[in-house]
Amino acid sequence: MSEPASTRQAEAPADPQFMERWSPRAFSSEPVAPETLRALFEAARWAPSCFNEQPWLFLYASSEEDRARFLSCLVEFNRKWAGHAPVLAFVLAKKRFAKTGEPNRWAPFDAGAAWMSLALQARKLGLYTHAMAGFDEDLAHEVLKVPKDEFDLLAAVAIGRYGDPEQLPPDMRKNEAPNGRRPLAEVAFEGGFRE
């Protein structure tokens, strides 16, 4: 399946992998090999974290039965397209430091670094990822048996190869292309905050 052409342009010399990573909704149902999945989680394992706590946890589903359970936690809009992805995952962050039991307010930041490592490794292997905020957190805690007092559920993720955009509903199909970003001058200020 041919992928949509990207119009993304860097404003400074950055590795092309960052512009090549995008979040499609058209996924092929072709299975992802277990060793390929292990490579994704291996990349995530090496992300940096506060006090080397490594507070992230990835729960994933690749069997039909497990994918159905994970899919049931997504909002209807996301179920429409994510059901085609051969792998669904959830990104979790442990709420407290293991050594002290104190709240770890950096855990979501660290889990975000692990998620990005996974997303970039996926592109290196010819796969795509699409993270989603649209899921029922209470239901996901229940269905996935995640203790609420120990972990925050941060995002759901679809993983797989690019698929046929024609399988998407028309309203989604029109947006099936890499999107842009705010200008560099709006995301990095030298010297301190300004309006």
C-alpha atoms as a PDB file:
ATOM      1  CA  MET A   1       0.000   0.000   0.000  1.00  0.00           C
ATOM      2  CA  SER A   2       1.489   3.347  -0.969  1.00  0.00           C
ATOM      3  CA  GLU A   3       1.737   5.881   1.786  1.00  0.00           C
ATOM      4  CA  PRO A   4       0.589   9.485   1.433  1.00  0.00           C
ATOM      5  CA  ALA A   5       3.251  11.963   0.404  1.00  0.00           C
ATOM      6  CA  SER A   6       4.556  14.118   3.196  1.00  0.00           C
ATOM      7  CA  THR A   7       4.786  17.882   2.880  1.00  0.00           C
ATOM      8  CA  ARG A   8       6.624  18.231   6.178  1.00  0.00           C
ATOM      9  CA  GLN A   9       9.597  20.585   6.079  1.00  0.00           C
ATOM     10  CA  ALA A  10      12.172  20.982   8.841  1.00  0.00           C
ATOM     11  CA  GLU A  11      13.190  24.520   9.823  1.00  0.00           C
ATOM     12  CA  ALA A  12      16.576  23.311  11.086  1.00  0.00           C
ATOM     13  CA  PRO A  13      18.781  20.317  10.270  1.00  0.00           C
ATOM     14  CA  ALA A  14      17.141  17.455  12.191  1.00  0.00           C
ATOM     15  CA  ASP A  15      17.321  13.749  11.424  1.00  0.00           C
ATOM     16  CA  PRO A  16      14.595  12.866   8.864  1.00  0.00           C
ATOM     17  CA  GLN A  17      13.254  10.137  11.177  1.00  0.00           C
ATOM     18  CA  PHE A  18      11.396  12.827  13.121  1.00  0.00           C
ATOM     19  CA  MET A  19       9.533  14.135  10.065  1.00  0.00           C
ATOM     20  CA  GLU A  20       8.908  10.585   8.761  1.00  0.00           C
ATOM     21  CA  ARG A  21       7.114   9.536  11.952  1.00  0.00           C
ATOM     22  CA  TRP A  22       3.391  10.246  11.769  1.00  0.00           C
ATOM     23  CA  SER A  23       0.209   8.674  13.111  1.00  0.00           C
ATOM     24  CA  PRO A  24      -1.961   7.103  10.421  1.00  0.00           C
ATOM     25  CA  ARG A  25      -5.358   5.553  11.012  1.00  0.00           C
ATOM     26  CA  ALA A  26      -5.184   3.177   8.039  1.00  0.00           C
ATOM     27  CA  PHE A  27      -3.569  -0.007   9.309  1.00  0.00           C
ATOM     28  CA  SER A  28      -3.030  -3.320   7.583  1.00  0.00           C
ATOM     29  CA  SER A  29      -4.188  -6.302   9.630  1.00  0.00           C
ATOM     30  CA  GLU A  30      -0.991  -8.161   8.652  1.00  0.00           C
ATOM     31  CA  PRO A  31       0.473  -9.620  11.886  1.00  0.00           C
ATOM     32  CA  VAL A  32       3.624  -8.210  13.435  1.00  0.00           C
ATOM     33  CA  ALA A  33       6.210 -10.888  14.234  1.00  0.00           C
ATOM     34  CA  PRO A  34       6.934 -11.439  17.947  1.00  0.00           C
ATOM     35  CA  GLU A  35      10.645 -10.616  17.467  1.00  0.00           C
ATOM     36  CA  THR A  36       9.696  -7.316  15.836  1.00  0.00           C
ATOM     37  CA  LEU A  37       7.453  -6.448  18.767  1.00  0.00           C
ATOM     38  CA  ARG A  38      10.299  -7.304  21.147  1.00  0.00           C
ATOM     39  CA  ALA A  39      12.516  -4.841  19.249  1.00  0.00           C
ATOM     40  CA  LEU A  40       9.964  -2.066  19.838  1.00  0.00           C
ATOM     41  CA  PHE A  41       9.803  -2.696  23.561  1.00  0.00           C
ATOM     42  CA  GLU A  42      13.590  -3.088  23.720  1.00  0.00           C
ATOM     43  CA  ALA A  43      13.953   0.427  22.275  1.00  0.00           C
ATOM     44  CA  ALA A  44      11.464   1.738  24.833  1.00  0.00           C
ATOM     45  CA  ARG A  45      13.373   0.001  27.633  1.00  0.00           C
ATOM     46  CA  TRP A  46      16.401   2.253  27.042  1.00  0.00           C
ATOM     47  CA  ALA A  47      14.587   5.566  27.458  1.00  0.00           C
ATOM     48  CA  PRO A  48      15.928   7.929  30.136  1.00  0.00           C
ATOM     49  CA  SER A  49      14.053   8.378  33.411  1.00  0.00           C
ATOM     50  CA  CYS A  50      14.244  10.268  36.689  1.00  0.00           C
ATOM     51  CA  PHE A  51      16.569   8.400  39.096  1.00  0.00           C
ATOM     52  CA  ASN A  52      16.608   5.596  36.476  1.00  0.00           C
ATOM     53  CA  GLU A  53      13.221   4.575  37.871  1.00  0.00           C
ATOM     54  CA  GLN A  54      11.923   3.341  34.482  1.00  0.00           C
ATOM     55  CA  PRO A  55       8.297   3.805  35.604  1.00  0.00           C
ATOM     56  CA  TRP A  56       6.710   2.844  32.276  1.00  0.00           C
ATOM     57  CA  LEU A  57       4.878  -0.350  31.517  1.00  0.00           C
ATOM     58  CA  PHE A  58       3.485  -1.418  28.144  1.00  0.00           C
ATOM     59  CA  LEU A  59       0.562  -3.835  28.002  1.00  0.00           C
ATOM     60  CA  TYR A  60      -0.039  -5.179  24.509  1.00  0.00           C
ATOM     61  CA  ALA A  61      -2.367  -7.451  22.609  1.00  0.00           C
ATOM     62  CA  SER A  62      -1.656  -9.275  19.371  1.00  0.00           C
ATOM     63  CA  SER A  63      -4.012 -12.257  19.584  1.00  0.00           C
ATOM     64  CA  GLU A  64      -7.566 -11.810  18.303  1.00  0.00           C
ATOM     65  CA  GLU A  65      -9.032 -12.424  21.763  1.00  0.00           C
ATOM     66  CA  ASP A  66      -6.723  -9.974  23.548  1.00  0.00           C
ATOM     67  CA  ARG A  67      -7.127  -7.330  20.834  1.00  0.00           C
ATOM     68  CA  ALA A  68     -10.914  -7.510  21.255  1.00  0.00           C
ATOM     69  CA  ARG A  69     -10.536  -6.840  24.992  1.00  0.00           C
ATOM     70  CA  PHE A  70      -8.162  -3.929  24.430  1.00  0.00           C
ATOM     71  CA  LEU A  71     -10.375  -2.544  21.653  1.00  0.00           C
ATOM     72  CA  SER A  72     -13.398  -2.557  23.962  1.00  0.00           C
ATOM     73  CA  CYS A  73     -11.663   0.098  26.091  1.00  0.00           C
ATOM     74  CA  LEU A  74     -11.404   2.608  23.239  1.00  0.00           C
ATOM     75  CA  VAL A  75     -14.002   5.257  22.471  1.00  0.00           C
ATOM     76  CA  GLU A  76     -16.210   4.498  19.472  1.00  0.00           C
ATOM     77  CA  PHE A  77     -14.352   6.874  17.125  1.00  0.00           C
ATOM     78  CA  ASN A  78     -11.055   5.054  17.736  1.00  0.00           C
ATOM     79  CA  ARG A  79     -12.628   1.587  17.573  1.00  0.00           C
ATOM     80  CA  LYS A  80     -13.712   2.372  13.985  1.00  0.00           C
ATOM     81  CA  TRP A  81     -10.125   2.410  12.722  1.00  0.00           C
ATOM     82  CA  ALA A  82      -7.911   0.876  15.426  1.00  0.00           C
ATOM     83  CA  GLY A  83      -9.618  -2.496  15.084  1.00  0.00           C
ATOM     84  CA  HIS A  84      -7.635  -3.069  11.879  1.00  0.00           C
ATOM     85  CA  ALA A  85      -4.271  -2.727  13.651  1.00  0.00           C
ATOM     86  CA  PRO A  86      -2.674  -6.111  14.432  1.00  0.00           C
ATOM     87  CA  VAL A  87      -1.329  -4.858  17.773  1.00  0.00           C
ATOM     88  CA  LEU A  88      -2.961  -2.663  20.395  1.00  0.00           C
ATOM     89  CA  ALA A  89      -1.130  -1.447  23.462  1.00  0.00           C
ATOM     90  CA  PHE A  90      -1.545   0.732  26.514  1.00  0.00           C
ATOM     91  CA  VAL A  91       1.182   2.915  28.021  1.00  0.00           C
ATOM     92  CA  LEU A  92       1.188   3.013  31.808  1.00  0.00           C
ATOM     93  CA  ALA A  93       3.193   4.997  34.340  1.00  0.00           C
ATOM     94  CA  LYS A  94       3.865   3.823  37.867  1.00  0.00           C
ATOM     95  CA  LYS A  95       2.609   6.482  40.290  1.00  0.00           C
ATOM     96  CA  ARG A  96       5.227   6.117  43.025  1.00  0.00           C
ATOM     97  CA  PHE A  97       8.973   5.691  43.281  1.00  0.00           C
ATOM     98  CA  ALA A  98       9.911   2.080  44.024  1.00  0.00           C
ATOM     99  CA  LYS A  99      12.549   2.975  46.651  1.00  0.00           C
ATOM    100  CA  THR A 100      10.695   5.613  48.661  1.00  0.00           C
ATOM    101  CA  GLY A 101       7.007   5.154  47.877  1.00  0.00           C
ATOM    102  CA  GLU A 102       6.804   8.902  47.286  1.00  0.00           C
ATOM    103  CA  PRO A 103       4.728  10.196  44.352  1.00  0.00           C
ATOM    104  CA  ASN A 104       6.696  10.271  41.094  1.00  0.00           C
ATOM    105  CA  ARG A 105       5.457  13.349  39.260  1.00  0.00           C
ATOM    106  CA  TRP A 106       8.009  12.730  36.467  1.00  0.00           C
ATOM    107  CA  ALA A 107       6.656   9.263  35.616  1.00  0.00           C
ATOM    108  CA  PRO A 108       4.376  10.449  32.761  1.00  0.00           C
ATOM    109  CA  PHE A 109       7.270  12.462  31.291  1.00  0.00           C
ATOM    110  CA  ASP A 110       9.520   9.405  31.439  1.00  0.00           C
ATOM    111  CA  ALA A 111       6.823   7.135  29.982  1.00  0.00           C
ATOM    112  CA  GLY A 112       6.474   9.654  27.150  1.00  0.00           C
ATOM    113  CA  ALA A 113      10.175   9.263  26.396  1.00  0.00           C
ATOM    114  CA  ALA A 114       9.740   5.479  26.300  1.00  0.00           C
ATOM    115  CA  TRP A 115       6.719   5.794  24.021  1.00  0.00           C
ATOM    116  CA  MET A 116       8.662   8.010  21.592  1.00  0.00           C
ATOM    117  CA  SER A 117      11.522   5.502  21.559  1.00  0.00           C
ATOM    118  CA  LEU A 118       9.023   2.791  20.635  1.00  0.00           C
ATOM    119  CA  ALA A 119       7.446   4.967  17.914  1.00  0.00           C
ATOM    120  CA  LEU A 120      10.795   5.775  16.298  1.00  0.00           C
ATOM    121  CA  GLN A 121      11.921   2.136  16.427  1.00  0.00           C
ATOM    122  CA  ALA A 122       8.645   1.172  14.771  1.00  0.00           C
ATOM    123  CA  ARG A 123       9.373   3.490  11.828  1.00  0.00           C
ATOM    124  CA  LYS A 124      12.900   2.058  11.496  1.00  0.00           C
ATOM    125  CA  LEU A 125      11.241  -1.350  11.081  1.00  0.00           C
ATOM    126  CA  GLY A 126       8.646  -0.185   8.560  1.00  0.00           C
ATOM    127  CA  LEU A 127       5.804   0.019  11.077  1.00  0.00           C
ATOM    128  CA  TYR A 128       3.572   2.857  12.209  1.00  0.00           C
ATOM    129  CA  THR A 129       2.136   3.763  15.587  1.00  0.00           C
ATOM    130  CA  HIS A 130      -0.801   5.924  16.556  1.00  0.00           C
ATOM    131  CA  ALA A 131      -1.216   6.932  20.194  1.00  0.00           C
ATOM    132  CA  MET A 132      -4.717   7.711  21.444  1.00  0.00           C
ATOM    133  CA  ALA A 133      -6.147   9.583  24.396  1.00  0.00           C
ATOM    134  CA  GLY A 134      -9.638   8.379  23.457  1.00  0.00           C
ATOM    135  CA  PHE A 135     -10.282   5.470  25.788  1.00  0.00           C
ATOM    136  CA  ASP A 136     -12.373   4.784  28.881  1.00  0.00           C
ATOM    137  CA  GLU A 137      -9.831   4.869  31.683  1.00  0.00           C
ATOM    138  CA  ASP A 138     -12.032   3.191  34.296  1.00  0.00           C
ATOM    139  CA  LEU A 139     -12.999   0.416  31.891  1.00  0.00           C
ATOM    140  CA  ALA A 140      -9.383  -0.086  30.830  1.00  0.00           C
ATOM    141  CA  HIS A 141      -8.282  -0.413  34.467  1.00  0.00           C
ATOM    142  CA  GLU A 142     -10.972  -3.057  34.938  1.00  0.00           C
ATOM    143  CA  VAL A 143     -10.536  -4.983  31.663  1.00  0.00           C
ATOM    144  CA  LEU A 144      -6.726  -4.997  31.843  1.00  0.00           C
ATOM    145  CA  LYS A 145      -6.695  -5.613  35.620  1.00  0.00           C
ATOM    146  CA  VAL A 146      -4.432  -2.593  36.235  1.00  0.00           C
ATOM    147  CA  PRO A 147      -4.390  -1.467  39.894  1.00  0.00           C
ATOM    148  CA  LYS A 148      -5.648   2.154  39.964  1.00  0.00           C
ATOM    149  CA  ASP A 149      -3.655   3.008  43.056  1.00  0.00           C
ATOM    150  CA  GLU A 150      -0.378   1.922  41.415  1.00  0.00           C
ATOM    151  CA  PHE A 151      -0.550   2.955  37.734  1.00  0.00           C
ATOM    152  CA  ASP A 152      -1.875   5.730  35.534  1.00  0.00           C
ATOM    153  CA  LEU A 153      -3.089   4.688  32.085  1.00  0.00           C
ATOM    154  CA  LEU A 154      -1.654   7.362  29.811  1.00  0.00           C
ATOM    155  CA  ALA A 155      -2.469   6.332  26.241  1.00  0.00           C
ATOM    156  CA  ALA A 156      -3.598   3.539  23.973  1.00  0.00           C
ATOM    157  CA  VAL A 157      -1.464   2.765  20.892  1.00  0.00           C
ATOM    158  CA  ALA A 158      -2.201   1.067  17.577  1.00  0.00           C
ATOM    159  CA  ILE A 159       0.826  -0.626  15.957  1.00  0.00           C
ATOM    160  CA  GLY A 160       1.188  -2.133  12.501  1.00  0.00           C
ATOM    161  CA  ARG A 161       1.957  -1.615   8.837  1.00  0.00           C
ATOM    162  CA  TYR A 162       0.289   1.035   6.741  1.00  0.00           C
ATOM    163  CA  GLY A 163      -3.015  -0.156   5.289  1.00  0.00           C
ATOM    164  CA  ASP A 164      -5.615   0.862   2.749  1.00  0.00           C
ATOM    165  CA  PRO A 165      -7.131   4.289   3.523  1.00  0.00           C
ATOM    166  CA  GLU A 166     -10.270   3.187   1.672  1.00  0.00           C
ATOM    167  CA  GLN A 167     -11.127   1.044   4.711  1.00  0.00           C
ATOM    168  CA  LEU A 168     -11.577   4.244   6.738  1.00  0.00           C
ATOM    169  CA  PRO A 169     -14.870   6.113   7.023  1.00  0.00           C
ATOM    170  CA  PRO A 170     -14.948   9.088   4.590  1.00  0.00           C
ATOM    171  CA  ASP A 171     -14.575  11.697   7.351  1.00  0.00           C
ATOM    172  CA  MET A 172     -11.307  10.063   8.494  1.00  0.00           C
ATOM    173  CA  ARG A 173      -9.996   9.358   5.002  1.00  0.00           C
ATOM    174  CA  LYS A 174      -9.700  13.062   4.120  1.00  0.00           C
ATOM    175  CA  ASN A 175      -7.212  13.621   6.973  1.00  0.00           C
ATOM    176  CA  GLU A 176      -5.083  10.539   6.291  1.00  0.00           C
ATOM    177  CA  ALA A 177      -1.741  12.265   5.682  1.00  0.00           C
ATOM    178  CA  PRO A 178       1.186  13.545   7.751  1.00  0.00           C
ATOM    179  CA  ASN A 179       0.166  16.799   9.415  1.00  0.00           C
ATOM    180  CA  GLY A 180       2.229  19.894  10.145  1.00  0.00           C
ATOM    181  CA  ARG A 181       3.611  21.426  13.295  1.00  0.00           C
ATOM    182  CA  ARG A 182       3.684  24.871  14.885  1.00  0.00           C
ATOM    183  CA  PRO A 183       6.668  26.994  13.834  1.00  0.00           C
ATOM    184  CA  LEU A 184       9.927  26.410  15.693  1.00  0.00           C
ATOM    185  CA  ALA A 185       9.756  29.957  17.084  1.00  0.00           C
ATOM    186  CA  GLU A 186       6.570  28.992  18.956  1.00  0.00           C
ATOM    187  CA  VAL A 187       7.948  25.889  20.661  1.00  0.00           C
ATOM    188  CA  ALA A 188      11.362  27.037  21.946  1.00  0.00           C
ATOM    189  CA  PHE A 189      12.105  30.372  23.678  1.00  0.00           C
ATOM    190  CA  GLU A 190      15.635  31.426  24.532  1.00  0.00           C
ATOM    191  CA  GLY A 191      16.207  33.108  27.891  1.00  0.00           C
ATOM    192  CA  GLY A 192      12.808  32.531  29.508  1.00  0.00           C
ATOM    193  CA  PHE A 193       9.080  32.598  29.002  1.00  0.00           C
ATOM    194  CA  ARG A 194       7.338  35.152  26.816  1.00  0.00           C
ATOM    195  CA  GLU A 195       3.857  35.528  25.338  1.00  0.00           C
END
